[in-house]
């Protein structure tokens, strides 16, 4: 079977001062795939995502989206990708809906119906008129994912998007991600430190430890043994990471 390669990292490294944060990352993500980026806090997940979305420049290596380096194709890159990086940061004195409308003004392809559908999907309907500064972490994450949904982009880059959600909220988001991946061929690159979340949602998972990819595994081949495999590849103890 031929796969359309959507995202590729080729020997990507990032140093800050003398410290190398991520080291020679190599991976590819295919169209319609949910690709998990699993690692403990401080492993280098957010730094990698910031390089993918253009917030940081790699010290070495190249990042490609649909075969084109993001270095030289910024406009094309932005037109394809939506992202949630760390905790969503929006205007604190605007309401949730005002923030979404403000963001929609930057993209003429977003209709009012897209905003309404996104708000409904993430479950913020009864709190969407509250000011952002009053939102809990989980509500901020919901608004961040609503921003991604309303944009109708082909590639989603999500940095621990279920942080702050209760178990039912986490399951709801997993179902949204899987639905868009399967039905709309959206490509999703998602980071987490929660092993169970990755196992229940992803097609493949990369194990990141101390800035290095220690292995990439297909979930279907794990047969419920992702936890065991993670410990074998990365080392450490099972209790080192969350398995909710």
Protein backbone atom coordinates (compact mmCIF):
# COMPACT_ATOMS: atom_id res chain seq x y z
CA UNK A 1 0.00 0.00 0.00
CA UNK A 2 1.28 3.46 -0.92
CA UNK A 3 1.08 6.15 1.75
CA UNK A 4 1.16 9.89 1.21
CA UNK A 5 3.94 11.27 3.39
CA UNK A 6 2.62 14.41 5.10
CA UNK A 7 5.19 15.25 7.78
CA UNK A 8 8.87 14.35 7.83
CA UNK A 9 11.63 15.17 10.30
CA UNK A 10 15.12 14.54 8.97
CA UNK A 11 18.04 14.63 11.43
CA UNK A 12 16.37 17.42 13.43
CA UNK A 13 18.29 18.72 16.44
CA UNK A 14 17.89 21.72 18.71
CA UNK A 15 20.51 23.17 21.02
CA UNK A 16 20.14 26.02 23.48
CA UNK A 17 23.55 27.24 24.52
CA UNK A 18 25.67 24.15 25.03
CA UNK A 19 22.69 21.95 25.87
CA UNK A 20 21.23 19.75 23.15
CA UNK A 21 17.48 19.56 23.80
CA UNK A 22 16.56 17.19 20.95
CA UNK A 23 18.98 15.04 19.00
CA UNK A 24 18.82 13.80 15.41
CA UNK A 25 15.09 13.14 15.22
CA UNK A 26 13.95 11.13 12.21
CA UNK A 27 10.31 10.24 11.60
CA UNK A 28 7.56 10.35 9.00
CA UNK A 29 3.80 10.72 9.43
CA UNK A 30 1.39 9.58 6.73
CA UNK A 31 -1.93 11.01 5.57
CA UNK A 32 -4.82 10.15 7.87
CA UNK A 33 -2.51 8.74 10.54
CA UNK A 34 -2.61 9.55 14.24
CA UNK A 35 1.05 9.56 15.24
CA UNK A 36 1.84 9.64 18.94
CA UNK A 37 4.88 11.33 20.44
CA UNK A 38 5.24 9.71 23.86
CA UNK A 39 7.65 10.82 26.55
CA UNK A 40 8.00 12.01 30.11
CA UNK A 41 7.77 15.69 30.92
CA UNK A 42 11.06 17.29 29.87
CA UNK A 43 11.79 14.68 27.19
CA UNK A 44 11.72 17.27 24.40
CA UNK A 45 8.16 16.89 23.10
CA UNK A 46 7.16 20.56 23.22
CA UNK A 47 10.50 21.73 21.81
CA UNK A 48 9.99 19.39 18.86
CA UNK A 49 6.45 20.61 18.28
CA UNK A 50 7.57 24.23 18.43
CA UNK A 51 10.04 23.46 15.65
CA UNK A 52 7.38 21.72 13.56
CA UNK A 53 5.01 24.71 13.76
CA UNK A 54 7.79 27.25 13.21
CA UNK A 55 8.04 28.78 16.69
CA UNK A 56 11.65 27.59 16.97
CA UNK A 57 14.27 26.98 14.29
CA UNK A 58 16.13 23.67 14.30
CA UNK A 59 19.84 23.94 14.99
CA UNK A 60 20.32 21.19 12.41
CA UNK A 61 18.13 19.14 10.12
CA UNK A 62 15.03 19.72 8.00
CA UNK A 63 11.28 19.54 8.55
CA UNK A 64 9.06 18.82 5.55
CA UNK A 65 5.29 19.15 5.11
CA UNK A 66 3.93 17.50 1.96
CA UNK A 67 7.49 17.15 0.71
CA UNK A 68 8.39 20.83 1.05
CA UNK A 69 10.78 22.26 3.62
CA UNK A 70 8.96 24.59 6.00
CA UNK A 71 12.02 26.83 5.82
CA UNK A 72 11.15 28.08 2.36
CA UNK A 73 7.40 27.49 2.16
CA UNK A 74 5.95 29.30 5.14
CA UNK A 75 2.72 30.45 3.46
CA UNK A 76 1.91 26.99 2.08
CA UNK A 77 2.77 25.49 5.46
CA UNK A 78 0.38 27.77 7.37
CA UNK A 79 -2.44 26.99 4.96
CA UNK A 80 -2.28 23.28 5.82
CA UNK A 81 -1.63 23.16 9.57
CA UNK A 82 -3.55 23.88 12.77
CA UNK A 83 -1.88 23.54 16.16
CA UNK A 84 -2.31 23.59 19.92
CA UNK A 85 1.05 24.19 21.60
CA UNK A 86 1.24 23.97 25.39
CA UNK A 87 -1.71 25.66 27.14
CA UNK A 88 -3.72 27.71 24.62
CA UNK A 89 -2.98 31.41 25.04
CA UNK A 90 -5.80 33.71 24.01
CA UNK A 91 -7.11 37.18 24.88
CA UNK A 92 -7.99 36.99 28.60
CA UNK A 93 -10.65 39.72 28.59
CA UNK A 94 -12.52 38.35 25.59
CA UNK A 95 -15.06 35.57 25.90
CA UNK A 96 -14.47 32.17 24.40
CA UNK A 97 -16.65 32.90 21.39
CA UNK A 98 -15.07 36.34 20.91
CA UNK A 99 -11.63 34.72 20.83
CA UNK A 100 -12.74 32.22 18.19
CA UNK A 101 -14.31 34.95 16.07
CA UNK A 102 -11.14 37.02 16.37
CA UNK A 103 -9.09 34.07 15.13
CA UNK A 104 -11.60 33.40 12.34
CA UNK A 105 -11.06 36.91 10.97
CA UNK A 106 -7.56 35.80 10.00
CA UNK A 107 -8.92 33.01 7.80
CA UNK A 108 -11.63 33.89 5.28
CA UNK A 109 -12.40 30.21 4.77
CA UNK A 110 -13.89 29.89 8.26
CA UNK A 111 -17.67 30.34 8.31
CA UNK A 112 -19.90 31.06 11.30
CA UNK A 113 -21.23 27.52 10.99
CA UNK A 114 -17.67 26.17 11.38
CA UNK A 115 -17.30 28.05 14.67
CA UNK A 116 -20.67 26.86 15.97
CA UNK A 117 -19.94 23.24 15.06
CA UNK A 118 -16.51 23.37 16.73
CA UNK A 119 -17.97 24.80 19.96
CA UNK A 120 -20.60 22.07 19.99
CA UNK A 121 -18.08 19.29 19.37
CA UNK A 122 -15.73 20.28 22.20
CA UNK A 123 -18.57 20.68 24.72
CA UNK A 124 -18.16 24.37 25.55
CA UNK A 125 -21.66 25.47 24.61
CA UNK A 126 -22.75 26.57 28.09
CA UNK A 127 -19.47 28.37 28.88
CA UNK A 128 -18.55 29.86 25.52
CA UNK A 129 -19.73 33.33 26.61
CA UNK A 130 -17.50 33.35 29.72
CA UNK A 131 -14.29 35.35 29.62
CA UNK A 132 -11.19 33.33 28.79
CA UNK A 133 -9.46 34.45 32.01
CA UNK A 134 -12.11 32.55 33.99
CA UNK A 135 -11.53 29.28 32.15
CA UNK A 136 -9.99 26.27 33.88
CA UNK A 137 -7.10 24.46 32.19
CA UNK A 138 -9.50 21.90 30.76
CA UNK A 139 -11.77 24.61 29.33
CA UNK A 140 -8.77 26.35 27.76
CA UNK A 141 -7.81 23.07 26.12
CA UNK A 142 -11.34 22.66 24.80
CA UNK A 143 -11.22 26.15 23.30
CA UNK A 144 -7.82 25.41 21.76
CA UNK A 145 -9.16 22.27 20.11
CA UNK A 146 -12.22 24.22 18.92
CA UNK A 147 -9.80 26.59 17.20
CA UNK A 148 -8.21 23.60 15.44
CA UNK A 149 -11.55 22.10 14.42
CA UNK A 150 -13.02 25.26 12.95
CA UNK A 151 -10.02 25.80 10.68
CA UNK A 152 -10.69 22.70 8.53
CA UNK A 153 -6.94 22.11 8.13
CA UNK A 154 -5.47 18.87 6.81
CA UNK A 155 -2.76 18.54 9.48
CA UNK A 156 -3.14 18.92 13.25
CA UNK A 157 -0.18 19.34 15.59
CA UNK A 158 -1.38 18.82 19.17
CA UNK A 159 0.78 19.25 22.27
CA UNK A 160 -0.81 17.31 25.16
CA UNK A 161 -4.31 18.49 24.19
CA UNK A 162 -6.10 16.49 26.91
CA UNK A 163 -4.25 18.10 29.83
CA UNK A 164 -6.73 19.26 32.44
CA UNK A 165 -9.61 17.16 31.13
CA UNK A 166 -11.53 14.67 33.24
CA UNK A 167 -11.64 11.04 32.03
CA UNK A 168 -14.90 11.52 30.11
CA UNK A 169 -13.45 14.60 28.40
CA UNK A 170 -10.32 12.67 27.43
CA UNK A 171 -12.40 9.89 25.88
CA UNK A 172 -14.55 12.43 24.03
CA UNK A 173 -11.47 14.10 22.53
CA UNK A 174 -9.97 10.76 21.52
CA UNK A 175 -13.18 9.96 19.65
CA UNK A 176 -13.11 13.34 17.89
CA UNK A 177 -9.50 12.82 16.79
CA UNK A 178 -10.18 9.29 15.54
CA UNK A 179 -13.31 10.40 13.68
CA UNK A 180 -11.48 13.17 11.81
CA UNK A 181 -8.54 10.90 11.06
CA UNK A 182 -10.67 8.07 9.68
CA UNK A 183 -13.45 10.00 7.96
CA UNK A 184 -11.68 13.14 6.76
CA UNK A 185 -8.11 11.85 6.39
CA UNK A 186 -6.82 14.51 8.78
CA UNK A 187 -3.21 13.79 9.75
CA UNK A 188 -2.61 14.18 13.50
CA UNK A 189 0.71 14.46 15.33
CA UNK A 190 -0.04 14.36 19.04
CA UNK A 191 2.25 14.43 22.08
CA UNK A 192 1.47 13.01 25.50
CA UNK A 193 3.03 11.58 28.64
CA UNK A 194 -0.02 9.36 29.15
CA UNK A 195 0.71 5.93 27.75
CA UNK A 196 -2.87 4.66 27.85
CA UNK A 197 -4.04 7.64 25.84
CA UNK A 198 -1.54 6.89 23.08
CA UNK A 199 -2.39 3.20 23.03
CA UNK A 200 -6.13 3.81 22.68
CA UNK A 201 -5.88 6.41 19.93
CA UNK A 202 -2.72 6.23 17.81
CA UNK A 203 -1.69 4.19 14.81
CA UNK A 204 2.01 4.49 15.60
CA UNK A 205 3.94 5.86 18.56
CA UNK A 206 7.47 7.24 18.86
CA UNK A 207 9.19 6.82 22.24
CA UNK A 208 11.09 9.99 23.16
CA UNK A 209 13.59 10.04 26.01
CA UNK A 210 16.11 12.76 26.85
CA UNK A 211 15.64 14.32 23.43
CA UNK A 212 16.14 11.13 21.41
CA UNK A 213 13.70 8.81 19.66
CA UNK A 214 14.35 5.38 21.13
CA UNK A 215 11.90 3.53 18.93
CA UNK A 216 8.78 3.78 16.78
CA UNK A 217 6.11 1.11 17.17
CA UNK A 218 2.84 0.21 15.45
CA UNK A 219 0.06 -0.04 17.99
CA UNK A 220 -1.55 -3.02 16.24
CA UNK A 221 1.64 -5.00 16.79
CA UNK A 222 1.71 -4.30 20.53
CA UNK A 223 -1.41 -6.31 21.43
CA UNK A 224 -1.83 -4.40 24.69
CA UNK A 225 1.88 -4.52 25.53
CA UNK A 226 2.82 -0.91 24.77
CA UNK A 227 3.65 -0.31 28.43
CA UNK A 228 6.03 -3.26 28.51
CA UNK A 229 7.61 -2.22 25.22
CA UNK A 230 8.08 1.37 26.40
CA UNK A 231 10.00 0.18 29.47
CA UNK A 232 12.09 -2.21 27.35
CA UNK A 233 13.07 0.50 24.87
CA UNK A 234 13.38 3.54 27.12
CA UNK A 235 14.31 1.96 30.43
CA UNK A 236 13.14 3.10 33.84
CA UNK A 237 10.12 1.89 35.76
CA UNK A 238 6.48 1.54 34.77
CA UNK A 239 5.50 4.07 37.44
CA UNK A 240 7.65 6.73 35.75
CA UNK A 241 4.81 7.63 33.40
CA UNK A 242 1.06 8.00 33.65
CA UNK A 243 -1.08 5.16 32.32
CA UNK A 244 -4.60 6.59 32.60
